[in-house]
Amino acid sequence: MNFTRRSILGALACTPLVVHAQSAWPTGRPIKVVVGYAPGGSVDLACRATADFLAARLAGAIVTVENVSGAAGVIAAQRVSQAQPDGYTLMVGSSNELCATAHVNPAQKYDAVKGFTHIGMVCESPVLFVASPKLGVKNMDEFLALVKKNPGKYSYGSSGVGSTLHFAGELLKKRGGLFMSHIPYRGTAPLLTDLVGGNLDCAMITTTAANPFIANGRLVGLGVTSAKRSPAAPNVPAIAEHPALSGYELTGWLSLAAPKGLPADMADKLRANLRAALQDPAYRRRLEDGGLVPATGNEDIAAIIQNDGRKYAELVKFANIKD
């Protein structure tokens, strides 16, 4: 290859400009944080808390939230996976679209591990198994006895086919040897309406949505799906505490991600700020007040997606789940 003095000088002159362009990020151009759910839910809550923290920490940053709901978060994730990796499109995603839906949604085009630059875990989103008071049970022991005595009579609800909540319900059926029907809802609001109204027997639901109704006695908290009791619902036992359900565990989580190919300096800057957020009392309080459990900052997102994915794949076969 032949290099002229002019071409070499030209290349050297351009190099500092590229480094400066990356190190200057962000500029006055808005950073958009996409969330795949409607305002008011747990993912939206975590997204807004994270966006506010980034806006305060990143000099010159304008951070906005964009709600792109539909298909259990898949529409939003698809959009982010195809966006330019320039640091101006981010996503707070959930275990739904970043793990569960891939096993039941043939239209999903992105790879949840390879299709994003994963920044880090934001929080755990505990899942509660709750019952309508009309069901007449006060604990998991009474629930198991009732359902086993009346196979096929009762139904549980979730926020949709292929969601983490749906898989949590199927795992309960598998571990407990239960015959129950699954009723998918288009979101948490209609599910709560039927559950509180006594038109649905029981449901898998987030602590964010369920806690107020457990507190006022309109729902009965039978168990949390994490391996141990959750600080988000300390008075509700872990499902795994029941002898017949030992080893039960399947919980939701939320994480911060960017499109694949995000420059390393931007990714490092975002990771440093997310770690700072997780140590910030005000940020943690916003998550905890919403029924979420802040992450430690040491989680390996790719490993979590792969480990949870194996559970989901087994449950798809067990329950013959189809979108």
Protein backbone atom coordinates (compact mmCIF):
# COMPACT_ATOMS: atom_id res chain seq x y z
CA MET A 1 0.00 0.00 0.00
CA ASN A 2 1.31 3.48 -0.86
CA PHE A 3 0.84 6.35 1.57
CA THR A 4 1.49 9.98 0.65
CA ARG A 5 2.54 12.56 3.20
CA ARG A 6 -0.76 14.33 2.64
CA SER A 7 -2.86 11.19 3.27
CA ILE A 8 -0.99 10.38 6.50
CA LEU A 9 -1.35 13.92 7.82
CA GLY A 10 -5.01 13.87 6.85
CA ALA A 11 -5.61 10.66 8.76
CA LEU A 12 -3.84 11.99 11.83
CA ALA A 13 -5.82 15.19 11.69
CA CYS A 14 -9.12 13.29 11.64
CA THR A 15 -8.32 11.00 14.56
CA PRO A 16 -8.67 13.57 17.39
CA LEU A 17 -11.99 14.71 15.95
CA VAL A 18 -13.46 11.19 16.25
CA VAL A 19 -12.23 10.79 19.82
CA HIS A 20 -13.55 14.20 20.72
CA ALA A 21 -16.96 13.43 19.20
CA GLN A 22 -17.30 10.34 21.37
CA SER A 23 -15.92 11.89 24.55
CA ALA A 24 -18.19 14.92 24.11
CA TRP A 25 -21.30 12.72 24.34
CA PRO A 26 -23.92 13.67 25.29
CA THR A 27 -24.55 17.01 23.65
CA GLY A 28 -27.78 19.00 23.70
CA ARG A 29 -29.47 16.34 21.57
CA PRO A 30 -32.08 14.47 23.66
CA ILE A 31 -31.35 10.96 24.88
CA LYS A 32 -34.49 8.86 24.44
CA VAL A 33 -35.14 6.03 26.92
CA VAL A 34 -37.72 3.66 25.46
CA VAL A 35 -40.03 1.58 27.64
CA GLY A 36 -42.26 -1.12 26.19
CA TYR A 37 -45.24 -0.55 28.47
CA ALA A 38 -47.85 2.06 29.26
CA PRO A 39 -47.19 4.77 31.87
CA GLY A 40 -47.78 3.87 35.50
CA GLY A 41 -46.49 0.29 35.66
CA SER A 42 -43.34 -1.07 37.25
CA VAL A 43 -41.18 -0.89 34.11
CA ASP A 44 -42.28 2.68 33.42
CA LEU A 45 -41.56 3.61 37.04
CA ALA A 46 -38.01 2.21 36.85
CA CYS A 47 -37.48 3.83 33.46
CA ARG A 48 -38.45 7.30 34.69
CA ALA A 49 -36.34 7.00 37.83
CA THR A 50 -33.35 5.98 35.69
CA ALA A 51 -33.95 8.71 33.11
CA ASP A 52 -34.14 11.36 35.81
CA PHE A 53 -30.91 10.17 37.38
CA LEU A 54 -29.07 10.15 34.05
CA ALA A 55 -30.34 13.64 33.24
CA ALA A 56 -28.93 14.90 36.53
CA ARG A 57 -25.60 13.11 36.17
CA LEU A 58 -24.72 13.48 32.48
CA ALA A 59 -23.55 17.02 31.80
CA GLY A 60 -25.51 18.60 28.98
CA ALA A 61 -27.96 15.72 28.76
CA ILE A 62 -31.65 16.05 28.00
CA VAL A 63 -33.27 12.70 28.80
CA THR A 64 -36.83 11.85 27.73
CA VAL A 65 -38.98 8.74 28.14
CA GLU A 66 -40.93 7.22 25.26
CA ASN A 67 -43.63 4.63 25.95
CA VAL A 68 -44.01 2.17 23.07
CA SER A 69 -46.38 -0.45 24.44
CA GLY A 70 -47.49 -3.68 22.83
CA ALA A 71 -46.65 -7.39 22.47
CA ALA A 72 -45.28 -7.70 26.03
CA GLY A 73 -42.52 -5.19 25.29
CA VAL A 74 -41.40 -6.78 22.01
CA ILE A 75 -42.37 -3.80 19.82
CA ALA A 76 -40.20 -1.44 21.85
CA ALA A 77 -37.27 -3.86 22.00
CA GLN A 78 -37.46 -4.44 18.25
CA ARG A 79 -37.29 -0.70 17.64
CA VAL A 80 -34.33 -0.19 19.96
CA SER A 81 -32.44 -3.16 18.49
CA GLN A 82 -32.65 -1.48 15.08
CA ALA A 83 -31.72 2.03 16.25
CA GLN A 84 -28.36 3.69 15.64
CA PRO A 85 -25.84 2.90 18.42
CA ASP A 86 -25.03 6.55 18.97
CA GLY A 87 -25.90 6.86 22.65
CA TYR A 88 -29.16 8.70 22.02
CA THR A 89 -31.48 5.67 22.15
CA LEU A 90 -31.62 3.53 25.28
CA MET A 91 -34.17 1.12 26.74
CA VAL A 92 -35.27 -0.03 30.15
CA GLY A 93 -36.47 -3.52 29.30
CA SER A 94 -37.91 -6.38 31.30
CA SER A 95 -37.48 -10.12 31.54
CA ASN A 96 -40.50 -10.38 29.24
CA GLU A 97 -39.05 -8.99 26.02
CA LEU A 98 -35.42 -9.71 26.92
CA CYS A 99 -35.95 -13.37 27.72
CA ALA A 100 -39.43 -14.90 27.93
CA THR A 101 -41.11 -13.86 24.68
CA ALA A 102 -38.39 -15.34 22.45
CA HIS A 103 -39.67 -18.80 23.35
CA VAL A 104 -43.25 -18.23 22.18
CA ASN A 105 -43.23 -15.32 19.70
CA PRO A 106 -42.09 -16.43 16.21
CA ALA A 107 -42.30 -12.83 14.98
CA GLN A 108 -39.54 -11.69 17.32
CA LYS A 109 -36.53 -10.83 15.16
CA TYR A 110 -33.88 -9.73 17.65
CA ASP A 111 -31.44 -11.77 19.72
CA ALA A 112 -31.83 -10.64 23.32
CA VAL A 113 -28.18 -11.32 24.19
CA LYS A 114 -26.36 -10.36 20.97
CA GLY A 115 -28.81 -7.78 19.68
CA PHE A 116 -28.14 -5.17 22.39
CA THR A 117 -25.35 -3.52 24.33
CA HIS A 118 -26.35 -4.49 27.86
CA ILE A 119 -25.52 -1.80 30.40
CA GLY A 120 -26.69 -3.53 33.55
CA MET A 121 -29.48 -4.69 35.82
CA VAL A 122 -31.71 -1.97 37.25
CA CYS A 123 -33.82 -3.98 39.66
CA GLU A 124 -35.70 -7.15 40.40
CA SER A 125 -39.43 -6.99 39.83
CA PRO A 126 -40.91 -9.50 42.30
CA VAL A 127 -43.94 -11.47 41.22
CA LEU A 128 -46.72 -12.29 43.66
CA PHE A 129 -49.19 -15.11 43.47
CA VAL A 130 -52.45 -13.69 44.78
CA ALA A 131 -56.00 -14.89 45.19
CA SER A 132 -59.40 -13.27 45.31
CA PRO A 133 -60.90 -13.37 48.82
CA LYS A 134 -63.89 -15.11 47.23
CA LEU A 135 -61.73 -18.17 46.67
CA GLY A 136 -61.77 -18.67 50.45
CA VAL A 137 -58.10 -19.55 50.98
CA LYS A 138 -55.66 -17.79 53.29
CA ASN A 139 -52.36 -19.50 52.48
CA MET A 140 -50.62 -21.73 49.96
CA ASP A 141 -51.42 -24.91 51.86
CA GLU A 142 -55.16 -24.23 51.66
CA PHE A 143 -54.84 -23.24 47.99
CA LEU A 144 -53.04 -26.44 46.99
CA ALA A 145 -55.58 -28.59 48.83
CA LEU A 146 -58.51 -26.79 47.17
CA VAL A 147 -57.17 -27.02 43.61
CA LYS A 148 -56.09 -30.64 43.93
CA LYS A 149 -59.53 -31.53 45.25
CA ASN A 150 -61.18 -29.79 42.27
CA PRO A 151 -58.93 -30.32 39.21
CA GLY A 152 -59.81 -28.06 36.28
CA LYS A 153 -62.27 -25.95 38.23
CA TYR A 154 -60.07 -22.92 38.87
CA SER A 155 -58.22 -20.45 36.67
CA TYR A 156 -55.29 -18.12 37.13
CA GLY A 157 -54.59 -14.95 35.20
CA SER A 158 -51.46 -13.24 33.89
CA SER A 159 -50.67 -10.14 31.87
CA GLY A 160 -50.32 -12.12 28.65
CA VAL A 161 -49.20 -15.28 26.88
CA GLY A 162 -45.45 -15.73 27.05
CA SER A 163 -44.92 -13.14 29.77
CA THR A 164 -42.77 -13.80 32.83
CA LEU A 165 -45.99 -13.86 34.87
CA HIS A 166 -47.44 -16.56 32.61
CA PHE A 167 -44.31 -18.70 32.98
CA ALA A 168 -44.39 -18.20 36.75
CA GLY A 169 -47.92 -19.61 36.81
CA GLU A 170 -47.01 -22.60 34.66
CA LEU A 171 -44.04 -23.35 36.91
CA LEU A 172 -46.41 -23.37 39.90
CA LYS A 173 -48.66 -25.85 38.09
CA LYS A 174 -45.70 -28.04 37.19
CA ARG A 175 -44.12 -28.06 40.64
CA GLY A 176 -47.43 -28.44 42.46
CA GLY A 177 -49.01 -31.00 40.12
CA LEU A 178 -51.97 -28.67 39.58
CA PHE A 179 -54.62 -28.65 36.86
CA MET A 180 -55.67 -25.01 36.33
CA SER A 181 -56.57 -22.99 33.25
CA HIS A 182 -54.59 -19.92 32.23
CA ILE A 183 -56.45 -16.73 31.32
CA PRO A 184 -54.24 -14.15 29.56
CA TYR A 185 -55.13 -10.47 29.90
CA ARG A 186 -54.03 -7.47 27.87
CA GLY A 187 -52.18 -5.89 30.74
CA THR A 188 -52.48 -5.59 34.48
CA ALA A 189 -55.43 -3.19 34.74
CA PRO A 190 -58.15 -5.51 33.35
CA LEU A 191 -56.66 -8.43 35.27
CA LEU A 192 -56.92 -6.51 38.54
CA THR A 193 -60.50 -5.50 37.77
CA ASP A 194 -61.59 -9.13 37.41
CA LEU A 195 -59.47 -10.34 40.32
CA VAL A 196 -60.65 -7.74 42.82
CA GLY A 197 -64.22 -8.15 41.55
CA GLY A 198 -64.12 -11.89 42.21
CA ASN A 199 -64.44 -12.85 38.53
CA LEU A 200 -60.97 -14.44 38.52
CA ASP A 201 -59.75 -16.94 41.11
CA CYS A 202 -56.07 -16.05 41.33
CA ALA A 203 -53.21 -14.49 39.40
CA MET A 204 -49.52 -13.88 39.00
CA ILE A 205 -48.97 -10.14 39.28
CA THR A 206 -46.20 -7.66 40.13
CA THR A 207 -45.78 -6.35 43.65
CA THR A 208 -46.20 -2.83 42.26
CA ALA A 209 -49.77 -3.63 41.28
CA ALA A 210 -50.71 -6.06 44.03
CA ASN A 211 -49.34 -4.53 47.24
CA PRO A 212 -52.03 -1.84 47.72
CA PHE A 213 -54.80 -4.43 47.32
CA ILE A 214 -53.15 -6.88 49.73
CA ALA A 215 -52.79 -4.06 52.26
CA ASN A 216 -56.51 -3.22 52.16
CA GLY A 217 -57.62 -6.86 52.18
CA ARG A 218 -59.02 -6.94 48.65
CA LEU A 219 -56.45 -9.56 47.60
CA VAL A 220 -54.76 -12.40 49.47
CA GLY A 221 -50.98 -12.72 49.01
CA LEU A 222 -50.23 -16.45 48.80
CA GLY A 223 -46.58 -16.37 47.77
CA VAL A 224 -43.72 -14.52 46.10
CA THR A 225 -41.90 -16.22 43.23
CA SER A 226 -38.35 -15.39 44.35
CA ALA A 227 -36.31 -18.07 46.15
CA LYS A 228 -36.67 -16.19 49.44
CA ARG A 229 -39.06 -13.61 50.82
CA SER A 230 -38.79 -10.28 49.08
CA PRO A 231 -38.25 -6.94 50.84
CA ALA A 232 -40.92 -5.62 48.47
CA ALA A 233 -43.51 -7.86 50.18
CA PRO A 234 -41.95 -9.01 53.46
CA ASN A 235 -45.18 -10.40 54.90
CA VAL A 236 -45.81 -12.74 51.97
CA PRO A 237 -43.97 -16.09 52.16
CA ALA A 238 -41.88 -17.38 49.29
CA ILE A 239 -43.68 -20.05 47.29
CA ALA A 240 -40.58 -22.20 47.78
CA GLU A 241 -41.22 -22.24 51.55
CA HIS A 242 -44.01 -24.77 51.04
CA PRO A 243 -42.62 -28.33 51.26
CA ALA A 244 -44.41 -29.38 48.08
CA LEU A 245 -42.90 -26.45 46.14
CA SER A 246 -39.32 -26.50 47.36
CA GLY A 247 -36.92 -25.09 44.79
CA TYR A 248 -39.55 -22.94 43.09
CA GLU A 249 -38.04 -19.72 41.70
CA LEU A 250 -38.87 -17.50 38.73
CA THR A 251 -38.75 -13.76 39.15
CA GLY A 252 -38.98 -10.72 36.92
CA TRP A 253 -36.21 -8.16 36.40
CA LEU A 254 -35.57 -4.88 34.60
CA SER A 255 -32.36 -3.74 32.92
CA LEU A 256 -30.82 -0.86 30.97
CA ALA A 257 -29.74 -1.57 27.39
CA ALA A 258 -28.69 0.19 24.20
CA PRO A 259 -28.52 -0.90 20.55
CA LYS A 260 -25.79 -3.34 19.56
CA GLY A 261 -22.49 -1.66 18.76
CA LEU A 262 -22.63 1.21 21.24
CA PRO A 263 -19.10 2.72 21.48
CA ALA A 264 -17.19 1.41 24.48
CA ASP A 265 -16.67 4.83 26.05
CA MET A 266 -20.42 5.53 26.01
CA ALA A 267 -21.23 2.09 27.42
CA ASP A 268 -18.65 2.52 30.18
CA LYS A 269 -20.03 5.95 31.05
CA LEU A 270 -23.57 4.57 31.28
CA ARG A 271 -22.44 1.62 33.41
CA ALA A 272 -20.62 3.94 35.80
CA ASN A 273 -23.72 6.10 36.15
CA LEU A 274 -26.01 3.11 36.65
CA ARG A 275 -23.73 1.85 39.42
CA ALA A 276 -23.83 5.32 40.97
CA ALA A 277 -27.63 5.30 40.77
CA LEU A 278 -27.82 1.96 42.57
CA GLN A 279 -25.83 3.48 45.43
CA ASP A 280 -27.95 6.63 45.55
CA PRO A 281 -30.52 6.62 48.41
CA ALA A 282 -33.07 8.74 46.54
CA TYR A 283 -32.94 6.56 43.43
CA ARG A 284 -33.20 3.37 45.45
CA ARG A 285 -36.14 4.80 47.41
CA ARG A 286 -38.06 5.52 44.19
CA LEU A 287 -37.66 1.91 43.12
CA GLU A 288 -38.48 0.48 46.54
CA ASP A 289 -41.54 2.68 46.94
CA GLY A 290 -42.79 1.15 43.69
CA GLY A 291 -42.38 -2.42 44.94
CA LEU A 292 -39.06 -3.02 43.17
CA VAL A 293 -35.78 -4.33 44.58
CA PRO A 294 -32.70 -2.39 43.40
CA ALA A 295 -29.95 -4.45 41.75
CA THR A 296 -26.52 -4.88 43.27
CA GLY A 297 -24.71 -3.69 40.15
CA ASN A 298 -22.76 -6.94 39.78
CA GLU A 299 -25.29 -8.96 37.77
CA ASP A 300 -24.34 -10.61 34.46
CA ILE A 301 -27.31 -9.89 32.18
CA ALA A 302 -26.28 -12.34 29.46
CA ALA A 303 -25.94 -15.17 31.96
CA ILE A 304 -29.30 -14.34 33.53
CA ILE A 305 -31.02 -14.33 30.12
CA GLN A 306 -29.50 -17.69 29.26
CA ASN A 307 -30.29 -19.29 32.63
CA ASP A 308 -33.88 -18.02 32.72
CA GLY A 309 -34.27 -19.00 29.07
CA ARG A 310 -33.64 -22.64 29.89
CA LYS A 311 -36.49 -22.54 32.43
CA TYR A 312 -38.80 -20.93 29.88
CA ALA A 313 -37.94 -23.48 27.20
CA GLU A 314 -38.84 -26.33 29.56
CA LEU A 315 -42.13 -24.67 30.51
CA VAL A 316 -43.08 -24.10 26.87
CA LYS A 317 -42.87 -27.85 26.33
CA PHE A 318 -44.64 -28.65 29.61
CA ALA A 319 -47.62 -26.37 28.95
CA ASN A 320 -47.53 -26.40 25.13
CA ILE A 321 -47.47 -22.59 25.19
CA LYS A 322 -48.12 -20.90 21.87
CA ASP A 323 -48.49 -17.22 21.06
